[in-house]
Structures are given as structure tokens and as C-alpha cells.
N, C-alpha and C. Protein backbone atom coordinates (compact mmCIF):
# COMPACT_ATOMS: atom_id res chain seq x y z
N MET A 1 50.22 72.52 133.03
CA MET A 1 50.82 71.39 133.70
C MET A 1 50.40 70.08 133.06
N ALA A 2 49.14 70.01 132.64
CA ALA A 2 48.64 68.79 132.02
C ALA A 2 49.43 68.48 130.75
N HIS A 3 49.85 69.54 130.06
CA HIS A 3 50.62 69.35 128.83
C HIS A 3 51.93 68.61 129.11
N LEU A 4 52.62 68.97 130.19
CA LEU A 4 53.87 68.29 130.55
C LEU A 4 53.61 66.84 130.92
N LEU A 5 52.54 66.59 131.64
CA LEU A 5 52.20 65.23 132.03
C LEU A 5 51.88 64.40 130.79
N ASP A 6 51.16 64.99 129.84
CA ASP A 6 50.87 64.29 128.58
C ASP A 6 52.16 63.95 127.85
N LYS A 7 53.11 64.89 127.88
CA LYS A 7 54.39 64.67 127.22
C LYS A 7 55.13 63.49 127.83
N ILE A 8 55.11 63.41 129.16
CA ILE A 8 55.78 62.30 129.85
C ILE A 8 55.09 60.99 129.51
N MET A 9 53.77 61.00 129.49
CA MET A 9 53.04 59.79 129.14
C MET A 9 53.36 59.38 127.71
N ASP A 10 53.48 60.36 126.81
CA ASP A 10 53.85 60.07 125.43
C ASP A 10 55.25 59.47 125.37
N MET A 11 56.17 59.98 126.19
CA MET A 11 57.52 59.44 126.22
C MET A 11 57.51 57.99 126.71
N ASP A 12 56.71 57.71 127.71
CA ASP A 12 56.58 56.34 128.22
C ASP A 12 56.06 55.42 127.12
N MET A 13 55.01 55.87 126.44
CA MET A 13 54.42 55.06 125.38
C MET A 13 55.40 54.85 124.24
N ALA A 14 56.10 55.90 123.85
CA ALA A 14 57.08 55.80 122.77
C ALA A 14 58.19 54.82 123.13
N ARG A 15 58.67 54.94 124.37
CA ARG A 15 59.73 54.02 124.83
C ARG A 15 59.24 52.58 124.76
N ASP A 16 58.03 52.34 125.25
CA ASP A 16 57.49 50.99 125.25
C ASP A 16 57.33 50.44 123.83
N LEU A 17 56.88 51.29 122.91
CA LEU A 17 56.73 50.86 121.52
C LEU A 17 58.07 50.52 120.89
N ILE A 18 59.07 51.34 121.16
CA ILE A 18 60.41 51.09 120.62
C ILE A 18 60.98 49.79 121.18
N VAL A 19 60.87 49.61 122.48
CA VAL A 19 61.39 48.39 123.11
C VAL A 19 60.67 47.17 122.54
N ASP A 20 59.34 47.24 122.42
CA ASP A 20 58.58 46.12 121.86
C ASP A 20 59.05 45.79 120.45
N LYS A 21 59.29 46.83 119.66
CA LYS A 21 59.72 46.62 118.27
C LYS A 21 61.08 45.93 118.23
N PHE A 22 62.01 46.37 119.07
CA PHE A 22 63.34 45.78 119.07
C PHE A 22 63.36 44.39 119.69
N GLU A 23 62.35 44.05 120.46
CA GLU A 23 62.27 42.70 121.02
C GLU A 23 61.73 41.71 120.00
N ASP A 24 61.19 42.22 118.90
CA ASP A 24 60.75 41.38 117.79
C ASP A 24 62.01 40.94 117.02
N GLU A 25 62.31 39.65 117.08
CA GLU A 25 63.56 39.11 116.51
C GLU A 25 63.69 39.42 115.01
N LYS A 26 62.59 39.36 114.29
CA LYS A 26 62.62 39.63 112.84
C LYS A 26 63.04 41.08 112.57
N PHE A 27 62.44 42.02 113.31
CA PHE A 27 62.80 43.43 113.16
C PHE A 27 64.25 43.66 113.57
N LEU A 28 64.66 43.05 114.67
CA LEU A 28 66.02 43.23 115.17
C LEU A 28 67.05 42.78 114.13
N LYS A 29 66.80 41.62 113.51
CA LYS A 29 67.73 41.12 112.49
C LYS A 29 67.82 42.09 111.30
N LYS A 30 66.67 42.58 110.85
CA LYS A 30 66.66 43.53 109.72
C LYS A 30 67.39 44.82 110.08
N PHE A 31 67.14 45.32 111.29
CA PHE A 31 67.76 46.57 111.74
C PHE A 31 69.28 46.41 111.82
N ILE A 32 69.73 45.32 112.41
CA ILE A 32 71.16 45.08 112.55
C ILE A 32 71.81 44.90 111.17
N LYS A 33 71.12 44.24 110.25
CA LYS A 33 71.67 44.07 108.90
C LYS A 33 71.82 45.43 108.23
N LYS A 34 70.80 46.30 108.36
CA LYS A 34 70.87 47.64 107.76
C LYS A 34 72.05 48.43 108.33
N LEU A 35 72.20 48.39 109.65
CA LEU A 35 73.33 49.09 110.27
C LEU A 35 74.65 48.50 109.81
N ASN A 36 74.73 47.18 109.79
CA ASN A 36 75.98 46.52 109.41
C ASN A 36 76.34 46.84 107.96
N ASP A 37 75.34 46.93 107.10
CA ASP A 37 75.60 47.28 105.70
C ASP A 37 76.16 48.70 105.54
N SER A 38 75.81 49.57 106.48
CA SER A 38 76.25 50.97 106.37
C SER A 38 77.54 51.25 107.15
N VAL A 39 78.04 50.25 107.87
CA VAL A 39 79.26 50.42 108.67
C VAL A 39 80.35 49.51 108.12
N ASP A 40 81.55 50.08 107.98
CA ASP A 40 82.68 49.25 107.57
C ASP A 40 83.87 49.59 108.45
N VAL A 41 84.24 48.62 109.28
CA VAL A 41 85.43 48.78 110.11
C VAL A 41 86.51 47.90 109.47
N PRO A 42 87.53 48.50 108.88
CA PRO A 42 88.52 47.75 108.10
C PRO A 42 89.25 46.66 108.89
N MET A 43 89.41 46.81 110.17
CA MET A 43 90.21 45.87 110.95
C MET A 43 89.46 44.59 111.35
N ILE A 44 88.14 44.60 111.24
CA ILE A 44 87.37 43.42 111.68
C ILE A 44 86.46 42.95 110.56
N GLY A 45 86.08 41.70 110.62
CA GLY A 45 85.22 41.12 109.59
C GLY A 45 83.75 41.48 109.80
N GLU A 46 82.95 41.15 108.79
CA GLU A 46 81.52 41.45 108.83
C GLU A 46 80.81 40.76 109.99
N GLY A 47 81.19 39.52 110.27
CA GLY A 47 80.57 38.78 111.37
C GLY A 47 80.81 39.44 112.72
N THR A 48 82.03 39.91 112.91
CA THR A 48 82.37 40.58 114.16
C THR A 48 81.65 41.92 114.25
N GLU A 49 81.59 42.64 113.12
CA GLU A 49 80.85 43.91 113.09
C GLU A 49 79.40 43.68 113.50
N ARG A 50 78.79 42.62 112.93
CA ARG A 50 77.39 42.31 113.23
C ARG A 50 77.21 42.03 114.73
N LYS A 51 78.13 41.28 115.32
CA LYS A 51 78.05 40.97 116.75
C LYS A 51 78.18 42.24 117.60
N VAL A 52 79.10 43.11 117.22
CA VAL A 52 79.30 44.36 117.97
C VAL A 52 78.06 45.24 117.85
N ILE A 53 77.55 45.38 116.64
CA ILE A 53 76.35 46.21 116.42
C ILE A 53 75.17 45.65 117.22
N LYS A 54 74.99 44.33 117.19
CA LYS A 54 73.89 43.71 117.94
C LYS A 54 74.05 43.97 119.43
N ALA A 55 75.27 43.85 119.93
CA ALA A 55 75.51 44.09 121.36
C ALA A 55 75.18 45.54 121.73
N ILE A 56 75.55 46.48 120.87
CA ILE A 56 75.27 47.90 121.14
C ILE A 56 73.76 48.15 121.11
N VAL A 57 73.08 47.62 120.09
CA VAL A 57 71.63 47.82 119.98
C VAL A 57 70.92 47.23 121.20
N LEU A 58 71.31 46.02 121.60
CA LEU A 58 70.67 45.40 122.76
C LEU A 58 70.97 46.16 124.05
N ALA A 59 72.16 46.72 124.15
CA ALA A 59 72.49 47.54 125.33
C ALA A 59 71.61 48.78 125.38
N VAL A 60 71.36 49.40 124.22
CA VAL A 60 70.48 50.58 124.16
C VAL A 60 69.05 50.18 124.54
N VAL A 61 68.57 49.06 124.02
CA VAL A 61 67.21 48.60 124.34
C VAL A 61 67.09 48.32 125.83
N ASN A 62 68.09 47.67 126.41
CA ASN A 62 68.05 47.40 127.86
C ASN A 62 68.09 48.69 128.67
N ALA A 63 68.86 49.66 128.21
CA ALA A 63 68.91 50.95 128.90
C ALA A 63 67.54 51.63 128.82
N LEU A 64 66.88 51.54 127.67
CA LEU A 64 65.54 52.11 127.54
C LEU A 64 64.56 51.43 128.49
N LYS A 65 64.67 50.11 128.60
CA LYS A 65 63.78 49.36 129.51
C LYS A 65 63.95 49.84 130.95
N ASP A 66 65.19 50.08 131.32
CA ASP A 66 65.50 50.47 132.70
C ASP A 66 65.29 51.95 132.96
N LEU A 67 65.06 52.72 131.91
CA LEU A 67 64.90 54.16 132.05
C LEU A 67 63.69 54.46 132.92
N ASP A 68 63.90 55.22 133.97
CA ASP A 68 62.84 55.54 134.91
C ASP A 68 62.31 56.94 134.64
N LEU A 69 61.13 56.99 134.05
CA LEU A 69 60.53 58.28 133.75
C LEU A 69 59.72 58.80 134.93
N ASP A 70 59.68 58.04 136.02
CA ASP A 70 58.97 58.50 137.21
C ASP A 70 59.60 59.75 137.80
N ASP A 71 60.90 59.92 137.59
CA ASP A 71 61.57 61.12 138.10
C ASP A 71 60.92 62.38 137.54
N GLU A 72 60.58 62.34 136.25
CA GLU A 72 59.92 63.49 135.64
C GLU A 72 58.54 63.73 136.26
N GLU A 73 57.84 62.64 136.60
CA GLU A 73 56.53 62.79 137.23
C GLU A 73 56.67 63.43 138.60
N LYS A 74 57.71 63.06 139.34
CA LYS A 74 57.93 63.65 140.66
C LYS A 74 58.23 65.14 140.53
N ILE A 75 58.99 65.50 139.51
CA ILE A 75 59.29 66.91 139.26
C ILE A 75 58.00 67.66 138.96
N LEU A 76 57.14 67.07 138.15
CA LEU A 76 55.86 67.71 137.83
C LEU A 76 55.01 67.92 139.07
N GLU A 77 54.99 66.93 139.95
CA GLU A 77 54.22 67.05 141.19
C GLU A 77 54.73 68.22 142.03
N LYS A 78 56.05 68.37 142.11
CA LYS A 78 56.64 69.47 142.87
C LYS A 78 56.28 70.81 142.24
N ILE A 79 56.28 70.88 140.92
CA ILE A 79 55.92 72.12 140.24
C ILE A 79 54.46 72.47 140.52
N GLU A 80 53.59 71.46 140.45
CA GLU A 80 52.18 71.70 140.72
C GLU A 80 51.96 72.15 142.16
N GLU A 81 52.70 71.56 143.11
CA GLU A 81 52.58 71.94 144.51
C GLU A 81 53.04 73.37 144.74
N ALA A 82 54.01 73.81 143.96
CA ALA A 82 54.57 75.15 144.14
C ALA A 82 53.66 76.24 143.57
N GLN A 83 52.74 75.88 142.70
CA GLN A 83 51.85 76.88 142.12
C GLN A 83 50.78 77.30 143.12
N PRO A 84 50.38 78.57 143.08
CA PRO A 84 49.33 79.05 143.99
C PRO A 84 48.03 78.28 143.79
N LYS A 85 47.40 77.93 144.90
CA LYS A 85 46.17 77.13 144.84
C LYS A 85 44.94 77.97 144.50
N ASP A 86 44.97 79.27 144.85
CA ASP A 86 43.79 80.09 144.65
C ASP A 86 43.69 80.64 143.22
N GLU A 87 44.64 80.29 142.39
CA GLU A 87 44.62 80.77 141.02
C GLU A 87 43.60 79.97 140.22
N VAL A 88 42.62 80.65 139.65
CA VAL A 88 41.59 79.99 138.86
C VAL A 88 41.90 80.25 137.39
N PRO A 89 41.99 79.19 136.60
CA PRO A 89 42.29 79.41 135.19
C PRO A 89 41.11 80.10 134.49
N THR A 90 41.42 80.99 133.60
CA THR A 90 40.37 81.69 132.85
C THR A 90 39.97 80.81 131.67
N PRO A 91 38.66 80.72 131.43
CA PRO A 91 38.22 79.90 130.31
C PRO A 91 38.61 80.58 128.99
N PRO A 92 38.83 79.78 127.96
CA PRO A 92 39.18 80.36 126.67
C PRO A 92 38.02 81.17 126.12
N THR A 93 38.33 82.23 125.42
CA THR A 93 37.28 83.07 124.84
C THR A 93 36.77 82.40 123.57
N THR A 94 35.47 82.55 123.37
CA THR A 94 34.87 81.98 122.16
C THR A 94 34.43 83.12 121.26
N PRO A 95 34.59 82.96 119.99
CA PRO A 95 34.16 84.03 119.08
C PRO A 95 32.64 84.18 119.11
N GLU A 96 32.20 85.42 119.01
CA GLU A 96 30.76 85.68 119.01
C GLU A 96 30.18 85.33 117.64
N LEU A 97 29.02 84.71 117.71
CA LEU A 97 28.33 84.36 116.46
C LEU A 97 27.32 85.44 116.12
N ASP A 98 27.30 85.87 114.89
CA ASP A 98 26.32 86.90 114.46
C ASP A 98 25.07 86.29 113.93
């Protein structure tokens, strides 16, 4: 169970790091330029492409900010509650030293 909780905490930390990175204006400009360089929509100009890409990236960052990972924690709590309480974990075996 601890492994799942660690995974959720890692997801929280990863999300926060990604959001922080995209909130850095210098990084955001470089990222949008890279995406814009790799995308070509024949019907619209480069400036419009850049605006659309920036809007999409910012929408993703805002969605990440609003992402509630607490739901996963609640699920973990329910799983832990459902497990038998009298079950004692067996300690890992250690190799014998000669």
C-alpha cells in the first residue's frame, strides 16, 4: 500500500514541477517556439499558430493545476480499510552469512 501512496506523492511532485516550469516565462517562450517550428497549418500564419499553441499549452497547465489527486488518496484509504487488520506482514528473509 505504501508503494501506491509513494506513487501518488510522486505524481503530485511531478505535476508541481511541470507547472512551475511552464510558469517560467522564458521556458514557456522556448517551448512554444519549438512547438510552433514543428507545426505548419497552411491556412493560418505563424503568429496565429503561436497564439493557438500558447493557448493550448496554458490550458493544459491550468488543467494540471486544477487536477485533484486527492481522489486517488481517498481510494487508497478505502483499499487499506478493506484489508484485514490482523494480517501481519512477514519480514524479508536475509541471506545467511558463513
